[in-house]
Amino acid sequence: IDFKPGEIVIKVKLEMAIDGTVNNVIVLKTSKYSQNHVGIYNTLKESLVRAAYMASPLINLPQDKYNGYKGWKEIELTFDAYSLMNVN
């Protein structure tokens, strides 16, 4: 399936422990998508959540930058189905 840029976009927040473990993955926002893409959206969302947990623990994160402004205690990521699925 070919997607247009921005057609299906999912933004997630990773809640991290100081040791780099992903404690929680929260879907924050999704773009509007057509009804015939519900299955693709659900599959993509579930895959993103599963991948975040599988990548845990993240390594080489500076512990002194865990908290505070621009810290990595919470990480927000945005995924666009166009970029993920239209690879040539």
N, C-alpha and C. Protein backbone atom coordinates (compact mmCIF):
# COMPACT_ATOMS: atom_id res chain seq x y z
N ILE A 1 0.86 -1.17 0.00
CA ILE A 1 0.00 0.00 0.00
C ILE A 1 0.89 1.22 0.00
N ASP A 2 0.57 2.18 -0.84
CA ASP A 2 1.30 3.44 -0.87
C ASP A 2 0.57 4.47 -0.02
N PHE A 3 1.31 5.12 0.84
CA PHE A 3 0.76 6.17 1.69
C PHE A 3 1.31 7.51 1.25
N LYS A 4 0.54 8.55 1.52
CA LYS A 4 1.01 9.91 1.32
C LYS A 4 1.68 10.36 2.62
N PRO A 5 2.65 11.25 2.55
CA PRO A 5 3.25 11.76 3.78
C PRO A 5 2.17 12.36 4.70
N GLY A 6 2.20 11.99 5.95
CA GLY A 6 1.26 12.51 6.93
C GLY A 6 -0.09 11.82 6.95
N GLU A 7 -0.29 10.82 6.09
CA GLU A 7 -1.59 10.15 6.03
C GLU A 7 -1.90 9.36 7.31
N ILE A 8 -0.93 8.62 7.80
CA ILE A 8 -1.08 7.93 9.08
C ILE A 8 0.17 8.25 9.90
N VAL A 9 0.00 9.05 10.93
CA VAL A 9 1.09 9.46 11.80
C VAL A 9 0.71 9.10 13.23
N ILE A 10 1.64 8.46 13.94
CA ILE A 10 1.41 8.05 15.32
C ILE A 10 2.53 8.64 16.17
N LYS A 11 2.14 9.31 17.26
CA LYS A 11 3.11 9.87 18.19
C LYS A 11 2.99 9.11 19.50
N VAL A 12 4.14 8.64 20.01
CA VAL A 12 4.14 7.88 21.26
C VAL A 12 5.08 8.53 22.26
N LYS A 13 4.81 8.26 23.53
CA LYS A 13 5.69 8.71 24.61
C LYS A 13 6.20 7.48 25.34
N LEU A 14 7.52 7.40 25.51
CA LEU A 14 8.13 6.34 26.29
C LEU A 14 8.42 6.90 27.67
N GLU A 15 7.97 6.21 28.69
CA GLU A 15 8.30 6.56 30.07
C GLU A 15 9.43 5.62 30.49
N MET A 16 10.56 6.23 30.86
CA MET A 16 11.79 5.48 31.07
C MET A 16 12.18 5.41 32.54
N ALA A 17 12.87 4.33 32.90
CA ALA A 17 13.52 4.22 34.21
C ALA A 17 14.97 4.69 34.06
N ILE A 18 15.60 5.01 35.14
CA ILE A 18 16.97 5.53 35.12
C ILE A 18 17.96 4.53 34.51
N ASP A 19 17.63 3.24 34.54
CA ASP A 19 18.52 2.23 33.95
C ASP A 19 18.27 2.02 32.46
N GLY A 20 17.38 2.82 31.85
CA GLY A 20 17.09 2.71 30.42
C GLY A 20 15.94 1.80 30.08
N THR A 21 15.31 1.22 31.09
CA THR A 21 14.17 0.33 30.86
C THR A 21 12.95 1.16 30.44
N VAL A 22 12.25 0.68 29.42
CA VAL A 22 11.00 1.31 29.01
C VAL A 22 9.92 0.80 29.95
N ASN A 23 9.38 1.68 30.79
CA ASN A 23 8.35 1.30 31.75
C ASN A 23 6.95 1.33 31.16
N ASN A 24 6.73 2.26 30.23
CA ASN A 24 5.39 2.44 29.68
C ASN A 24 5.49 3.09 28.32
N VAL A 25 4.59 2.72 27.43
CA VAL A 25 4.48 3.34 26.11
C VAL A 25 3.05 3.85 25.98
N ILE A 26 2.92 5.15 25.74
CA ILE A 26 1.61 5.78 25.64
C ILE A 26 1.45 6.35 24.24
N VAL A 27 0.34 6.01 23.57
CA VAL A 27 0.04 6.61 22.28
C VAL A 27 -0.58 7.97 22.57
N LEU A 28 0.12 9.03 22.14
CA LEU A 28 -0.31 10.39 22.44
C LEU A 28 -1.26 10.96 21.41
N LYS A 29 -0.94 10.75 20.15
CA LYS A 29 -1.69 11.43 19.10
C LYS A 29 -1.56 10.63 17.82
N THR A 30 -2.63 10.65 17.08
CA THR A 30 -2.58 10.05 15.75
C THR A 30 -3.24 11.01 14.78
N SER A 31 -2.82 10.90 13.54
CA SER A 31 -3.45 11.70 12.51
C SER A 31 -4.81 11.11 12.17
N LYS A 32 -5.62 11.88 11.50
CA LYS A 32 -6.88 11.35 11.00
C LYS A 32 -6.56 10.48 9.80
N TYR A 33 -7.24 9.37 9.70
CA TYR A 33 -7.01 8.45 8.59
C TYR A 33 -8.36 7.92 8.14
N SER A 34 -8.38 7.43 6.92
CA SER A 34 -9.65 6.95 6.38
C SER A 34 -10.05 5.63 7.03
N GLN A 35 -11.32 5.35 7.01
CA GLN A 35 -11.88 4.16 7.65
C GLN A 35 -11.28 2.88 7.08
N ASN A 36 -10.88 2.89 5.81
CA ASN A 36 -10.32 1.67 5.22
C ASN A 36 -8.87 1.42 5.66
N HIS A 37 -8.30 2.33 6.48
CA HIS A 37 -6.94 2.13 7.00
C HIS A 37 -6.92 1.78 8.48
N VAL A 38 -8.07 1.47 9.06
CA VAL A 38 -8.14 1.15 10.50
C VAL A 38 -7.24 -0.05 10.83
N GLY A 39 -7.31 -1.08 10.04
CA GLY A 39 -6.49 -2.28 10.30
C GLY A 39 -5.01 -1.99 10.22
N ILE A 40 -4.60 -1.20 9.24
CA ILE A 40 -3.19 -0.83 9.09
C ILE A 40 -2.75 0.02 10.28
N TYR A 41 -3.60 0.98 10.67
CA TYR A 41 -3.28 1.82 11.81
C TYR A 41 -3.09 0.96 13.07
N ASN A 42 -4.02 0.07 13.35
CA ASN A 42 -3.92 -0.77 14.55
C ASN A 42 -2.68 -1.64 14.53
N THR A 43 -2.34 -2.21 13.38
CA THR A 43 -1.14 -3.04 13.25
C THR A 43 0.11 -2.22 13.49
N LEU A 44 0.17 -1.04 12.90
CA LEU A 44 1.32 -0.16 13.07
C LEU A 44 1.47 0.26 14.52
N LYS A 45 0.38 0.65 15.15
CA LYS A 45 0.40 1.08 16.55
C LYS A 45 0.90 -0.05 17.45
N GLU A 46 0.36 -1.24 17.28
CA GLU A 46 0.78 -2.38 18.09
C GLU A 46 2.25 -2.72 17.85
N SER A 47 2.70 -2.61 16.61
CA SER A 47 4.10 -2.89 16.28
C SER A 47 5.03 -1.88 16.92
N LEU A 48 4.65 -0.61 16.94
CA LEU A 48 5.47 0.42 17.55
C LEU A 48 5.60 0.20 19.06
N VAL A 49 4.51 -0.11 19.70
CA VAL A 49 4.53 -0.36 21.14
C VAL A 49 5.39 -1.59 21.45
N ARG A 50 5.20 -2.64 20.69
CA ARG A 50 5.98 -3.88 20.90
C ARG A 50 7.47 -3.62 20.67
N ALA A 51 7.81 -2.87 19.63
CA ALA A 51 9.22 -2.58 19.33
C ALA A 51 9.87 -1.77 20.45
N ALA A 52 9.13 -0.84 21.03
CA ALA A 52 9.69 -0.04 22.13
C ALA A 52 10.05 -0.94 23.31
N TYR A 53 9.18 -1.85 23.66
CA TYR A 53 9.47 -2.76 24.77
C TYR A 53 10.60 -3.73 24.42
N MET A 54 10.66 -4.18 23.18
CA MET A 54 11.72 -5.10 22.77
C MET A 54 13.09 -4.43 22.78
N ALA A 55 13.13 -3.13 22.53
CA ALA A 55 14.40 -2.40 22.51
C ALA A 55 14.91 -2.10 23.93
N SER A 56 14.08 -2.34 24.90
CA SER A 56 14.40 -2.04 26.30
C SER A 56 15.33 -3.10 26.86
N PRO A 57 16.33 -2.73 27.64
CA PRO A 57 16.66 -1.37 28.04
C PRO A 57 17.50 -0.66 26.98
N LEU A 58 17.26 0.63 26.86
CA LEU A 58 18.10 1.46 26.00
C LEU A 58 19.41 1.69 26.73
N ILE A 59 20.51 1.65 25.99
CA ILE A 59 21.81 1.76 26.64
C ILE A 59 22.52 3.04 26.25
N ASN A 60 23.55 3.37 27.00
CA ASN A 60 24.39 4.53 26.77
C ASN A 60 23.64 5.85 26.90
N LEU A 61 22.60 5.88 27.72
CA LEU A 61 21.90 7.13 28.01
C LEU A 61 22.58 7.79 29.22
N PRO A 62 22.93 9.05 29.13
CA PRO A 62 23.63 9.70 30.24
C PRO A 62 22.73 9.88 31.45
N GLN A 63 23.07 9.23 32.55
CA GLN A 63 22.23 9.26 33.74
C GLN A 63 22.10 10.67 34.31
N ASP A 64 23.08 11.53 34.10
CA ASP A 64 23.00 12.89 34.61
C ASP A 64 21.99 13.75 33.85
N LYS A 65 21.50 13.25 32.73
CA LYS A 65 20.50 13.99 31.95
C LYS A 65 19.13 13.31 31.99
N TYR A 66 18.91 12.45 32.97
CA TYR A 66 17.65 11.72 33.10
C TYR A 66 16.47 12.64 33.39
N ASN A 67 16.62 13.53 34.35
CA ASN A 67 15.55 14.45 34.73
C ASN A 67 15.77 15.82 34.13
N GLY A 68 14.75 16.64 34.26
CA GLY A 68 14.89 18.05 33.89
C GLY A 68 14.59 18.34 32.44
N TYR A 69 14.80 19.59 32.09
CA TYR A 69 14.54 20.07 30.74
C TYR A 69 15.43 19.32 29.76
N LYS A 70 14.84 18.80 28.71
CA LYS A 70 15.52 18.00 27.69
C LYS A 70 16.10 16.70 28.24
N GLY A 71 15.60 16.26 29.37
CA GLY A 71 16.02 14.98 29.92
C GLY A 71 15.33 13.84 29.16
N TRP A 72 15.76 12.63 29.41
CA TRP A 72 15.22 11.49 28.67
C TRP A 72 14.32 10.59 29.53
N LYS A 73 13.87 11.09 30.67
CA LYS A 73 12.92 10.32 31.49
C LYS A 73 11.66 10.01 30.70
N GLU A 74 11.25 10.94 29.85
CA GLU A 74 10.14 10.74 28.91
C GLU A 74 10.63 11.12 27.52
N ILE A 75 10.44 10.21 26.59
CA ILE A 75 10.88 10.43 25.21
C ILE A 75 9.65 10.36 24.30
N GLU A 76 9.48 11.37 23.46
CA GLU A 76 8.38 11.36 22.50
C GLU A 76 8.93 11.09 21.11
N LEU A 77 8.27 10.17 20.41
CA LEU A 77 8.66 9.77 19.06
C LEU A 77 7.47 9.87 18.14
N THR A 78 7.71 10.28 16.91
CA THR A 78 6.65 10.39 15.91
C THR A 78 6.99 9.47 14.73
N PHE A 79 6.02 8.67 14.33
CA PHE A 79 6.20 7.73 13.22
C PHE A 79 5.17 8.05 12.14
N ASP A 80 5.64 8.09 10.91
CA ASP A 80 4.79 8.34 9.75
C ASP A 80 4.78 7.08 8.90
N ALA A 81 3.61 6.53 8.63
CA ALA A 81 3.50 5.30 7.83
C ALA A 81 4.16 5.47 6.47
N TYR A 82 4.14 6.66 5.93
CA TYR A 82 4.78 6.90 4.64
C TYR A 82 6.26 6.56 4.71
N SER A 83 6.94 7.05 5.73
CA SER A 83 8.37 6.81 5.88
C SER A 83 8.66 5.33 6.23
N LEU A 84 7.78 4.71 6.98
CA LEU A 84 8.00 3.35 7.43
C LEU A 84 7.68 2.30 6.36
N MET A 85 6.72 2.58 5.50
CA MET A 85 6.24 1.54 4.59
C MET A 85 6.53 1.81 3.12
N ASN A 86 6.94 3.00 2.75
CA ASN A 86 7.23 3.30 1.35
C ASN A 86 8.73 3.34 1.12
N VAL A 87 9.38 2.24 1.45
CA VAL A 87 10.82 2.14 1.27
C VAL A 87 11.08 1.53 -0.11
N ASN A 88 11.90 2.20 -0.87
CA ASN A 88 12.24 1.68 -2.21
C ASN A 88 13.59 1.06 -2.22
